[in-house]
Amino acid sequence: MAEAKIPHRFVRLAAHAVGRQEAEDRVLGALNTAGINVTRSQLAQAAYSTLPLNPPTTFTQLVGRMMNTGEVPGLDAQAWMQSQRHLAVVSETDVEGIELSLGTGPRSSQPMSGPGYHTNDVVSDVLDNVLAHRREVAELSHFGQAGFQPCFRSYIAYLLASVTAIDAYLNRHRWFGLNDPSIRLSDAAKKEIKNVAVSLDQKLRRWVPALTGGRLLDESGQPWAEYTILRVTRNGYTHVNDPDHRFELRRAADILNKCRLGVGQLLIDLAELFAHAPAPAMYRVRYAHEATFVSKSVAGSA
C-alpha cells in the first residue's frame, strides 16, 4: 500500500517560543519579583534545586516551560492576581438548566443557564484565541480539497482577535473606571471615556491618559507600528471596501508575527501604565512561536 503523501504546509511555527538565554532572564526576573533572589552566577548551582513554589519546581523546569509557552508558570499568574483590583473568574458547566452567574466588585453579570461557559477574563480569553487561530493558520496552510479557504478563515479570525484583545482591555478599564466608586476619576476624565463612539486609536490616545492620570502610550516604537499594521490589515478584510479578497501565504506568515509586539508587548506596556502586572496570556502572545513561510523548493531540498 502506498504511503499517504504528507501535504506541504507553507507556514511553519517555531518549535520554541524563545531561546534558553532569554527564557533564563525572564525566569530570573519573575523569581526576583516574587522575592526569590537567584542571580545568573548562581544558576549552575541552583538549576536543579527545588524552589519554594507551589507546586515545588526547579529553575530548569521553569525555563523549559517558558521556552515552550512564553509564560513563567505560576509566577506570572501570581504577580498578575496580586496586582488586580478586580478578580478574574471563570464558570462553566455541562449540566442543563443550572444557573451560572459571576460577580466581582461592583459588577454582577447577567445570570445564564447551562450548559455553557461564562468568564469575566475576556482579555485572556481573546488572547488565547489569537494563539489558537495562529496555530490553525499554520496547520491549514496546505492546498487541500477546499483550497486555502479554511486557512483564510482562520487568518481573518486571528486578525479579529488581535485587535479585539486591545479593545477589550480598554473597555474593561473604562467600565470599572465609571462604575467602581473606589476608582477616583476627575469629571473631565469620566466625560472623556463616556464617549464609546471613537476609534481604537483614539481610545489608546485619549482614554489611556484619562484612566491613568495622564500617562501616555509610546507611539514611536515597534509595538505601536506593528499594532497599526494589524489594525489596517484587519480593517481591509472586515470593512471590505474593495470587491475582492487577497490572501498571500507569504505575507500571512509575516502578519502572524505582528501580534508578538503589536498585541502582546503593547498590552504589557499598557499594563505598566495602569500599574498592574501583565496577565500571563499577554506574555504567551508576546512570545508566540515565530511563524515562517516555507517554500516548496526549500522543503524539497531539506
C-alpha atoms as a PDB file:
ATOM      1  CA  MET A   1       0.000   0.000   0.000  1.00  0.00           C
ATOM      2  CA  ALA A   2       1.349   3.400  -0.959  1.00  0.00           C
ATOM      3  CA  GLU A   3       2.070   5.736   1.913  1.00  0.00           C
ATOM      4  CA  ALA A   4      -0.207   8.761   2.234  1.00  0.00           C
ATOM      5  CA  LYS A   5       1.504  11.862   0.962  1.00  0.00           C
ATOM      6  CA  ILE A   6       2.069  14.493   3.633  1.00  0.00           C
ATOM      7  CA  PRO A   7       0.740  17.830   2.337  1.00  0.00           C
ATOM      8  CA  HIS A   8       3.165  20.718   2.148  1.00  0.00           C
ATOM      9  CA  ARG A   9       2.381  23.439   4.666  1.00  0.00           C
ATOM     10  CA  PHE A  10       3.514  26.901   3.618  1.00  0.00           C
ATOM     11  CA  VAL A  11       3.513  28.329   7.160  1.00  0.00           C
ATOM     12  CA  ARG A  12       5.513  26.805   9.984  1.00  0.00           C
ATOM     13  CA  LEU A  13       5.662  27.790  13.657  1.00  0.00           C
ATOM     14  CA  ALA A  14       8.980  27.583  15.508  1.00  0.00           C
ATOM     15  CA  ALA A  15       9.475  24.724  17.955  1.00  0.00           C
ATOM     16  CA  HIS A  16      10.103  27.103  20.866  1.00  0.00           C
ATOM     17  CA  ALA A  17       8.753  30.484  21.927  1.00  0.00           C
ATOM     18  CA  VAL A  18      12.165  31.832  22.961  1.00  0.00           C
ATOM     19  CA  GLY A  19      15.771  30.697  23.264  1.00  0.00           C
ATOM     20  CA  ARG A  20      17.290  29.452  26.510  1.00  0.00           C
ATOM     21  CA  GLN A  21      19.158  32.675  27.347  1.00  0.00           C
ATOM     22  CA  GLU A  22      16.033  34.843  27.055  1.00  0.00           C
ATOM     23  CA  ALA A  23      13.972  32.274  28.963  1.00  0.00           C
ATOM     24  CA  GLU A  24      16.511  32.227  31.801  1.00  0.00           C
ATOM     25  CA  ASP A  25      16.454  36.030  32.008  1.00  0.00           C
ATOM     26  CA  ARG A  26      12.637  36.066  32.158  1.00  0.00           C
ATOM     27  CA  VAL A  27      12.553  33.382  34.866  1.00  0.00           C
ATOM     28  CA  LEU A  28      15.184  35.209  36.927  1.00  0.00           C
ATOM     29  CA  GLY A  29      13.136  38.400  36.699  1.00  0.00           C
ATOM     30  CA  ALA A  30       9.926  36.611  37.718  1.00  0.00           C
ATOM     31  CA  LEU A  31      11.662  34.937  40.663  1.00  0.00           C
ATOM     32  CA  ASN A  32      13.099  38.244  41.888  1.00  0.00           C
ATOM     33  CA  THR A  33       9.654  39.863  41.603  1.00  0.00           C
ATOM     34  CA  ALA A  34       8.315  37.049  43.799  1.00  0.00           C
ATOM     35  CA  GLY A  35      11.053  37.711  46.377  1.00  0.00           C
ATOM     36  CA  ILE A  36      13.160  34.652  45.468  1.00  0.00           C
ATOM     37  CA  ASN A  37      16.601  36.088  44.729  1.00  0.00           C
ATOM     38  CA  VAL A  38      18.625  33.991  42.310  1.00  0.00           C
ATOM     39  CA  THR A  39      21.419  35.565  40.249  1.00  0.00           C
ATOM     40  CA  ARG A  40      22.825  34.352  36.951  1.00  0.00           C
ATOM     41  CA  SER A  41      26.094  33.462  38.680  1.00  0.00           C
ATOM     42  CA  GLN A  42      24.146  31.064  40.939  1.00  0.00           C
ATOM     43  CA  LEU A  43      22.436  29.216  38.086  1.00  0.00           C
ATOM     44  CA  ALA A  44      24.836  26.298  37.794  1.00  0.00           C
ATOM     45  CA  GLN A  45      24.332  25.539  41.479  1.00  0.00           C
ATOM     46  CA  ALA A  46      20.592  26.271  41.637  1.00  0.00           C
ATOM     47  CA  ALA A  47      19.452  24.868  38.267  1.00  0.00           C
ATOM     48  CA  TYR A  48      18.082  21.603  39.667  1.00  0.00           C
ATOM     49  CA  SER A  49      17.344  22.734  43.218  1.00  0.00           C
ATOM     50  CA  THR A  50      13.697  22.773  44.248  1.00  0.00           C
ATOM     51  CA  LEU A  51      12.375  26.311  44.541  1.00  0.00           C
ATOM     52  CA  PRO A  52       9.897  27.331  47.295  1.00  0.00           C
ATOM     53  CA  LEU A  53       6.922  27.465  44.931  1.00  0.00           C
ATOM     54  CA  ASN A  54       3.533  25.764  44.842  1.00  0.00           C
ATOM     55  CA  PRO A  55       3.884  23.188  43.399  1.00  0.00           C
ATOM     56  CA  PRO A  56       7.621  22.721  44.105  1.00  0.00           C
ATOM     57  CA  THR A  57       9.534  23.340  40.875  1.00  0.00           C
ATOM     58  CA  THR A  58      13.141  23.601  39.749  1.00  0.00           C
ATOM     59  CA  PHE A  59      14.656  26.504  37.846  1.00  0.00           C
ATOM     60  CA  THR A  60      15.308  24.206  34.892  1.00  0.00           C
ATOM     61  CA  GLN A  61      11.644  23.193  34.739  1.00  0.00           C
ATOM     62  CA  LEU A  62      10.544  26.837  34.766  1.00  0.00           C
ATOM     63  CA  VAL A  63      12.942  27.639  31.926  1.00  0.00           C
ATOM     64  CA  GLY A  64      11.651  24.697  29.888  1.00  0.00           C
ATOM     65  CA  ARG A  65       8.046  25.841  30.287  1.00  0.00           C
ATOM     66  CA  MET A  66       8.993  29.423  29.464  1.00  0.00           C
ATOM     67  CA  MET A  67      10.725  28.267  26.279  1.00  0.00           C
ATOM     68  CA  ASN A  68       7.582  26.400  25.214  1.00  0.00           C
ATOM     69  CA  THR A  69       4.833  28.850  26.197  1.00  0.00           C
ATOM     70  CA  GLY A  70       6.401  32.262  26.783  1.00  0.00           C
ATOM     71  CA  GLU A  71       4.919  32.246  30.287  1.00  0.00           C
ATOM     72  CA  VAL A  72       6.711  31.627  33.581  1.00  0.00           C
ATOM     73  CA  PRO A  73       4.276  29.118  35.111  1.00  0.00           C
ATOM     74  CA  GLY A  74       2.820  30.077  38.463  1.00  0.00           C
ATOM     75  CA  LEU A  75       4.911  33.218  38.915  1.00  0.00           C
ATOM     76  CA  ASP A  76       3.349  35.310  36.133  1.00  0.00           C
ATOM     77  CA  ALA A  77      -0.144  34.362  37.302  1.00  0.00           C
ATOM     78  CA  GLN A  78       0.735  35.102  40.931  1.00  0.00           C
ATOM     79  CA  ALA A  79       2.101  38.574  40.123  1.00  0.00           C
ATOM     80  CA  TRP A  80      -0.957  39.338  37.973  1.00  0.00           C
ATOM     81  CA  MET A  81      -3.524  38.194  40.544  1.00  0.00           C
ATOM     82  CA  GLN A  82      -1.821  40.072  43.382  1.00  0.00           C
ATOM     83  CA  SER A  83      -1.928  43.318  41.381  1.00  0.00           C
ATOM     84  CA  GLN A  84      -5.584  43.012  40.285  1.00  0.00           C
ATOM     85  CA  ARG A  85      -8.267  45.208  41.789  1.00  0.00           C
ATOM     86  CA  HIS A  86     -10.989  43.033  40.212  1.00  0.00           C
ATOM     87  CA  LEU A  87     -10.575  39.267  40.200  1.00  0.00           C
ATOM     88  CA  ALA A  88     -10.797  37.193  37.032  1.00  0.00           C
ATOM     89  CA  VAL A  89     -13.443  34.480  37.297  1.00  0.00           C
ATOM     90  CA  VAL A  90     -14.465  31.609  35.025  1.00  0.00           C
ATOM     91  CA  SER A  91     -17.605  29.496  35.482  1.00  0.00           C
ATOM     92  CA  GLU A  92     -18.756  26.658  33.250  1.00  0.00           C
ATOM     93  CA  THR A  93     -20.918  23.540  33.409  1.00  0.00           C
ATOM     94  CA  ASP A  94     -22.281  20.774  31.209  1.00  0.00           C
ATOM     95  CA  VAL A  95     -25.405  20.459  33.382  1.00  0.00           C
ATOM     96  CA  GLU A  96     -28.555  21.639  31.620  1.00  0.00           C
ATOM     97  CA  GLY A  97     -30.604  24.289  33.417  1.00  0.00           C
ATOM     98  CA  ILE A  98     -28.075  25.122  36.145  1.00  0.00           C
ATOM     99  CA  GLU A  99     -27.573  28.850  36.626  1.00  0.00           C
ATOM    100  CA  LEU A 100     -24.171  30.454  36.100  1.00  0.00           C
ATOM    101  CA  SER A 101     -23.501  33.956  37.417  1.00  0.00           C
ATOM    102  CA  LEU A 102     -20.371  35.987  38.061  1.00  0.00           C
ATOM    103  CA  GLY A 103     -19.699  38.901  40.364  1.00  0.00           C
ATOM    104  CA  THR A 104     -16.552  40.883  41.126  1.00  0.00           C
ATOM    105  CA  GLY A 105     -16.526  44.185  42.997  1.00  0.00           C
ATOM    106  CA  PRO A 106     -19.223  46.490  41.625  1.00  0.00           C
ATOM    107  CA  ARG A 107     -20.133  44.238  38.693  1.00  0.00           C
ATOM    108  CA  SER A 108     -22.657  41.399  38.783  1.00  0.00           C
ATOM    109  CA  SER A 109     -23.119  39.799  35.390  1.00  0.00           C
ATOM    110  CA  GLN A 110     -26.465  38.688  33.999  1.00  0.00           C
ATOM    111  CA  PRO A 111     -27.080  35.043  35.007  1.00  0.00           C
ATOM    112  CA  MET A 112     -27.108  32.427  32.260  1.00  0.00           C
ATOM    113  CA  SER A 113     -28.339  28.857  32.005  1.00  0.00           C
ATOM    114  CA  GLY A 114     -26.112  25.813  31.449  1.00  0.00           C
ATOM    115  CA  PRO A 115     -24.699  24.074  29.632  1.00  0.00           C
ATOM    116  CA  GLY A 116     -22.358  26.957  28.968  1.00  0.00           C
ATOM    117  CA  TYR A 117     -19.249  28.970  29.705  1.00  0.00           C
ATOM    118  CA  HIS A 118     -19.054  32.357  31.453  1.00  0.00           C
ATOM    119  CA  THR A 119     -15.927  34.424  32.129  1.00  0.00           C
ATOM    120  CA  ASN A 120     -15.101  37.978  33.050  1.00  0.00           C
ATOM    121  CA  ASP A 121     -11.478  37.489  31.994  1.00  0.00           C
ATOM    122  CA  VAL A 122     -12.356  38.418  28.434  1.00  0.00           C
ATOM    123  CA  VAL A 123      -8.902  39.761  27.560  1.00  0.00           C
ATOM    124  CA  SER A 124      -7.101  36.493  28.369  1.00  0.00           C
ATOM    125  CA  ASP A 125      -9.848  34.580  26.581  1.00  0.00           C
ATOM    126  CA  VAL A 126      -9.379  36.601  23.396  1.00  0.00           C
ATOM    127  CA  LEU A 127      -5.582  36.408  23.621  1.00  0.00           C
ATOM    128  CA  ASP A 128      -5.812  32.618  23.754  1.00  0.00           C
ATOM    129  CA  ASN A 129      -7.976  32.862  20.614  1.00  0.00           C
ATOM    130  CA  VAL A 130      -5.154  34.788  18.928  1.00  0.00           C
ATOM    131  CA  LEU A 131      -2.785  31.891  19.614  1.00  0.00           C
ATOM    132  CA  ALA A 132      -5.323  29.228  18.632  1.00  0.00           C
ATOM    133  CA  HIS A 133      -6.052  30.884  15.286  1.00  0.00           C
ATOM    134  CA  ARG A 134      -2.315  31.271  14.592  1.00  0.00           C
ATOM    135  CA  ARG A 135      -1.888  27.530  15.062  1.00  0.00           C
ATOM    136  CA  GLU A 136      -4.861  26.878  12.774  1.00  0.00           C
ATOM    137  CA  VAL A 137      -3.362  29.033  10.026  1.00  0.00           C
ATOM    138  CA  ALA A 138      -0.135  27.024  10.157  1.00  0.00           C
ATOM    139  CA  GLU A 139      -1.940  23.657  10.269  1.00  0.00           C
ATOM    140  CA  LEU A 140      -4.261  24.590   7.386  1.00  0.00           C
ATOM    141  CA  SER A 141      -1.633  26.249   5.182  1.00  0.00           C
ATOM    142  CA  HIS A 142      -1.706  23.391   2.652  1.00  0.00           C
ATOM    143  CA  PHE A 143      -3.660  23.180  -0.576  1.00  0.00           C
ATOM    144  CA  GLY A 144      -6.424  20.737   0.390  1.00  0.00           C
ATOM    145  CA  GLN A 145      -9.828  19.806  -1.029  1.00  0.00           C
ATOM    146  CA  ALA A 146     -11.194  23.218  -0.060  1.00  0.00           C
ATOM    147  CA  GLY A 147      -8.098  25.020  -1.332  1.00  0.00           C
ATOM    148  CA  PHE A 148      -6.832  27.716   1.017  1.00  0.00           C
ATOM    149  CA  GLN A 149     -10.259  28.884   2.186  1.00  0.00           C
ATOM    150  CA  PRO A 150     -10.116  27.135   5.615  1.00  0.00           C
ATOM    151  CA  CYS A 151      -6.706  28.695   6.209  1.00  0.00           C
ATOM    152  CA  PHE A 152      -8.047  32.092   5.134  1.00  0.00           C
ATOM    153  CA  ARG A 153     -10.954  31.841   7.590  1.00  0.00           C
ATOM    154  CA  SER A 154      -8.555  31.195  10.462  1.00  0.00           C
ATOM    155  CA  TYR A 155      -6.336  34.067   9.327  1.00  0.00           C
ATOM    156  CA  ILE A 156      -9.262  36.518   9.443  1.00  0.00           C
ATOM    157  CA  ALA A 157     -10.237  35.163  12.892  1.00  0.00           C
ATOM    158  CA  TYR A 158      -6.634  35.769  14.046  1.00  0.00           C
ATOM    159  CA  LEU A 159      -6.758  39.388  12.842  1.00  0.00           C
ATOM    160  CA  LEU A 160     -10.140  39.992  14.505  1.00  0.00           C
ATOM    161  CA  ALA A 161      -8.968  38.537  17.816  1.00  0.00           C
ATOM    162  CA  SER A 162      -5.718  40.546  17.740  1.00  0.00           C
ATOM    163  CA  VAL A 163      -7.495  43.893  17.537  1.00  0.00           C
ATOM    164  CA  THR A 164     -10.358  42.811  19.819  1.00  0.00           C
ATOM    165  CA  ALA A 165      -7.926  41.927  22.645  1.00  0.00           C
ATOM    166  CA  ILE A 166      -6.700  45.520  22.866  1.00  0.00           C
ATOM    167  CA  ASP A 167     -10.220  46.931  22.582  1.00  0.00           C
ATOM    168  CA  ALA A 168     -11.490  44.579  25.312  1.00  0.00           C
ATOM    169  CA  TYR A 169      -8.657  45.627  27.638  1.00  0.00           C
ATOM    170  CA  LEU A 170      -9.511  49.311  27.300  1.00  0.00           C
ATOM    171  CA  ASN A 171     -13.269  48.721  27.543  1.00  0.00           C
ATOM    172  CA  ARG A 172     -12.806  46.747  30.773  1.00  0.00           C
ATOM    173  CA  HIS A 173     -10.847  49.595  32.376  1.00  0.00           C
ATOM    174  CA  ARG A 174     -13.428  52.092  31.128  1.00  0.00           C
ATOM    175  CA  TRP A 175     -16.334  50.136  32.675  1.00  0.00           C
ATOM    176  CA  PHE A 176     -14.705  49.901  36.096  1.00  0.00           C
ATOM    177  CA  GLY A 177     -13.486  53.492  35.861  1.00  0.00           C
ATOM    178  CA  LEU A 178     -17.097  54.632  35.525  1.00  0.00           C
ATOM    179  CA  ASN A 179     -18.721  52.150  37.913  1.00  0.00           C
ATOM    180  CA  ASP A 180     -16.248  51.368  40.711  1.00  0.00           C
ATOM    181  CA  PRO A 181     -16.501  54.063  43.424  1.00  0.00           C
ATOM    182  CA  SER A 182     -13.022  53.156  44.689  1.00  0.00           C
ATOM    183  CA  ILE A 183     -11.533  54.424  41.391  1.00  0.00           C
ATOM    184  CA  ARG A 184     -11.435  58.205  41.650  1.00  0.00           C
ATOM    185  CA  LEU A 185     -11.510  59.814  38.217  1.00  0.00           C
ATOM    186  CA  SER A 186     -11.936  63.503  37.544  1.00  0.00           C
ATOM    187  CA  ASP A 187     -15.149  64.739  35.941  1.00  0.00           C
ATOM    188  CA  ALA A 188     -13.140  65.562  32.817  1.00  0.00           C
ATOM    189  CA  ALA A 189     -11.761  62.000  32.665  1.00  0.00           C
ATOM    190  CA  LYS A 190     -15.237  60.498  33.082  1.00  0.00           C
ATOM    191  CA  LYS A 191     -16.581  62.736  30.333  1.00  0.00           C
ATOM    192  CA  GLU A 192     -13.754  61.633  28.042  1.00  0.00           C
ATOM    193  CA  ILE A 193     -14.336  57.906  28.453  1.00  0.00           C
ATOM    194  CA  LYS A 194     -18.138  58.075  28.323  1.00  0.00           C
ATOM    195  CA  ASN A 195     -17.942  58.504  24.558  1.00  0.00           C
ATOM    196  CA  VAL A 196     -17.663  54.956  23.174  1.00  0.00           C
ATOM    197  CA  ALA A 197     -18.147  56.038  19.545  1.00  0.00           C
ATOM    198  CA  VAL A 198     -14.423  56.545  18.965  1.00  0.00           C
ATOM    199  CA  SER A 199     -11.826  54.534  17.068  1.00  0.00           C
ATOM    200  CA  LEU A 200      -9.413  52.200  18.832  1.00  0.00           C
ATOM    201  CA  ASP A 201      -6.564  54.611  18.064  1.00  0.00           C
ATOM    202  CA  GLN A 202      -8.486  57.377  19.832  1.00  0.00           C
ATOM    203  CA  LYS A 203      -9.165  55.108  22.816  1.00  0.00           C
ATOM    204  CA  LEU A 204      -5.436  54.482  23.103  1.00  0.00           C
ATOM    205  CA  ARG A 205      -4.614  58.169  22.747  1.00  0.00           C
ATOM    206  CA  ARG A 206      -7.416  59.664  24.861  1.00  0.00           C
ATOM    207  CA  TRP A 207      -8.818  57.014  27.196  1.00  0.00           C
ATOM    208  CA  VAL A 208      -5.439  55.799  28.468  1.00  0.00           C
ATOM    209  CA  PRO A 209      -4.323  59.183  29.875  1.00  0.00           C
ATOM    210  CA  ALA A 210      -7.854  59.793  31.212  1.00  0.00           C
ATOM    211  CA  LEU A 211      -7.798  56.467  33.083  1.00  0.00           C
ATOM    212  CA  THR A 212      -4.160  56.555  34.266  1.00  0.00           C
ATOM    213  CA  GLY A 213      -3.772  60.139  35.434  1.00  0.00           C
ATOM    214  CA  GLY A 214      -2.082  61.431  32.302  1.00  0.00           C
ATOM    215  CA  ARG A 215       0.208  58.555  31.290  1.00  0.00           C
ATOM    216  CA  LEU A 216       0.696  58.158  27.549  1.00  0.00           C
ATOM    217  CA  LEU A 217       1.383  55.113  25.410  1.00  0.00           C
ATOM    218  CA  ASP A 218       4.552  55.457  23.340  1.00  0.00           C
ATOM    219  CA  GLU A 219       3.639  55.684  19.650  1.00  0.00           C
ATOM    220  CA  SER A 220       7.226  55.902  18.412  1.00  0.00           C
ATOM    221  CA  GLY A 221       8.244  52.289  18.997  1.00  0.00           C
ATOM    222  CA  GLN A 222       7.820  48.974  17.242  1.00  0.00           C
ATOM    223  CA  PRO A 223       4.771  47.811  19.277  1.00  0.00           C
ATOM    224  CA  TRP A 224       2.665  50.728  18.002  1.00  0.00           C
ATOM    225  CA  ALA A 225       3.941  50.277  14.435  1.00  0.00           C
ATOM    226  CA  GLU A 226       3.047  46.578  14.415  1.00  0.00           C
ATOM    227  CA  TYR A 227      -0.313  47.176  16.095  1.00  0.00           C
ATOM    228  CA  THR A 228      -1.063  49.641  13.280  1.00  0.00           C
ATOM    229  CA  ILE A 229      -0.182  47.046  10.632  1.00  0.00           C
ATOM    230  CA  LEU A 230      -2.512  44.537  12.301  1.00  0.00           C
ATOM    231  CA  ARG A 231      -5.346  47.039  12.582  1.00  0.00           C
ATOM    232  CA  VAL A 232      -5.037  48.191   8.963  1.00  0.00           C
ATOM    233  CA  THR A 233      -4.810  44.587   7.709  1.00  0.00           C
ATOM    234  CA  ARG A 234      -7.844  43.575   9.765  1.00  0.00           C
ATOM    235  CA  ASN A 235      -9.820  46.575   8.501  1.00  0.00           C
ATOM    236  CA  GLY A 236      -9.112  45.578   4.924  1.00  0.00           C
ATOM    237  CA  TYR A 237     -10.954  42.295   5.482  1.00  0.00           C
ATOM    238  CA  THR A 238     -13.731  43.466   7.807  1.00  0.00           C
ATOM    239  CA  HIS A 239     -14.824  46.682   6.105  1.00  0.00           C
ATOM    240  CA  VAL A 240     -14.464  45.165   2.605  1.00  0.00           C
ATOM    241  CA  ASN A 241     -14.052  48.391   0.647  1.00  0.00           C
ATOM    242  CA  ASP A 242     -12.715  46.511  -2.397  1.00  0.00           C
ATOM    243  CA  PRO A 243     -14.689  43.932  -4.413  1.00  0.00           C
ATOM    244  CA  ASP A 244     -12.134  41.164  -3.879  1.00  0.00           C
ATOM    245  CA  HIS A 245     -10.096  39.410  -1.184  1.00  0.00           C
ATOM    246  CA  ARG A 246      -6.342  38.753  -1.433  1.00  0.00           C
ATOM    247  CA  PHE A 247      -4.732  36.116   0.760  1.00  0.00           C
ATOM    248  CA  GLU A 248      -0.996  35.628   0.235  1.00  0.00           C
ATOM    249  CA  LEU A 249       0.579  32.950   2.406  1.00  0.00           C
ATOM    250  CA  ARG A 250       3.986  34.637   2.374  1.00  0.00           C
ATOM    251  CA  ARG A 251       2.517  37.883   3.715  1.00  0.00           C
ATOM    252  CA  ALA A 252       0.255  35.987   6.134  1.00  0.00           C
ATOM    253  CA  ALA A 253       3.311  34.383   7.762  1.00  0.00           C
ATOM    254  CA  ASP A 254       4.738  37.845   8.362  1.00  0.00           C
ATOM    255  CA  ILE A 255       1.460  39.214   9.740  1.00  0.00           C
ATOM    256  CA  LEU A 256       1.186  36.244  12.136  1.00  0.00           C
ATOM    257  CA  ASN A 257       4.300  37.590  13.859  1.00  0.00           C
ATOM    258  CA  LYS A 258       2.920  41.101  14.327  1.00  0.00           C
ATOM    259  CA  CYS A 259       0.866  40.010  17.347  1.00  0.00           C
ATOM    260  CA  ARG A 260       4.056  39.469  19.331  1.00  0.00           C
ATOM    261  CA  LEU A 261       4.833  43.171  19.669  1.00  0.00           C
ATOM    262  CA  GLY A 262       1.647  44.695  18.251  1.00  0.00           C
ATOM    263  CA  VAL A 263      -0.642  42.926  20.739  1.00  0.00           C
ATOM    264  CA  GLY A 264       1.388  41.151  23.432  1.00  0.00           C
ATOM    265  CA  GLN A 265       4.005  43.846  24.063  1.00  0.00           C
ATOM    266  CA  LEU A 266       1.503  46.665  23.556  1.00  0.00           C
ATOM    267  CA  LEU A 267      -0.705  45.167  26.283  1.00  0.00           C
ATOM    268  CA  ILE A 268       2.304  44.642  28.560  1.00  0.00           C
ATOM    269  CA  ASP A 269       3.153  48.328  28.073  1.00  0.00           C
ATOM    270  CA  LEU A 270      -0.472  49.267  28.835  1.00  0.00           C
ATOM    271  CA  ALA A 271      -0.418  47.135  32.000  1.00  0.00           C
ATOM    272  CA  GLU A 272       2.604  49.121  33.171  1.00  0.00           C
ATOM    273  CA  LEU A 273       0.731  52.400  32.561  1.00  0.00           C
ATOM    274  CA  PHE A 274      -2.248  51.045  34.535  1.00  0.00           C
ATOM    275  CA  ALA A 275       0.136  49.924  37.307  1.00  0.00           C
ATOM    276  CA  HIS A 276      -0.676  46.219  37.333  1.00  0.00           C
ATOM    277  CA  ALA A 277       1.301  43.142  36.340  1.00  0.00           C
ATOM    278  CA  PRO A 278       0.650  41.742  32.851  1.00  0.00           C
ATOM    279  CA  ALA A 279      -1.737  38.812  32.548  1.00  0.00           C
ATOM    280  CA  PRO A 280       0.009  35.509  31.700  1.00  0.00           C
ATOM    281  CA  ALA A 281      -1.814  35.450  28.344  1.00  0.00           C
ATOM    282  CA  MET A 282      -0.107  38.725  27.414  1.00  0.00           C
ATOM    283  CA  TYR A 283       3.257  37.011  27.808  1.00  0.00           C
ATOM    284  CA  ARG A 284       2.062  33.997  25.813  1.00  0.00           C
ATOM    285  CA  VAL A 285       1.192  36.255  22.884  1.00  0.00           C
ATOM    286  CA  ARG A 286       4.324  38.387  23.310  1.00  0.00           C
ATOM    287  CA  TYR A 287       6.433  35.264  22.919  1.00  0.00           C
ATOM    288  CA  ALA A 288       4.219  33.437  20.413  1.00  0.00           C
ATOM    289  CA  HIS A 289       6.174  30.919  18.361  1.00  0.00           C
ATOM    290  CA  GLU A 290       7.631  32.678  15.335  1.00  0.00           C
ATOM    291  CA  ALA A 291       5.902  31.960  12.018  1.00  0.00           C
ATOM    292  CA  THR A 292       7.952  31.339   8.877  1.00  0.00           C
ATOM    293  CA  PHE A 293       6.956  30.969   5.225  1.00  0.00           C
ATOM    294  CA  VAL A 294       8.286  27.679   3.827  1.00  0.00           C
ATOM    295  CA  SER A 295       8.663  27.472   0.061  1.00  0.00           C
ATOM    296  CA  LYS A 296       8.061  24.121  -1.602  1.00  0.00           C
ATOM    297  CA  SER A 297      11.517  24.317  -3.158  1.00  0.00           C
ATOM    298  CA  VAL A 298      13.130  24.845   0.238  1.00  0.00           C
ATOM    299  CA  ALA A 299      11.149  21.989   1.811  1.00  0.00           C
ATOM    300  CA  GLY A 300      12.020  19.676  -1.077  1.00  0.00           C
ATOM    301  CA  SER A 301      15.733  20.284  -0.721  1.00  0.00           C
ATOM    302  CA  ALA A 302      15.749  19.800   3.062  1.00  0.00           C
END
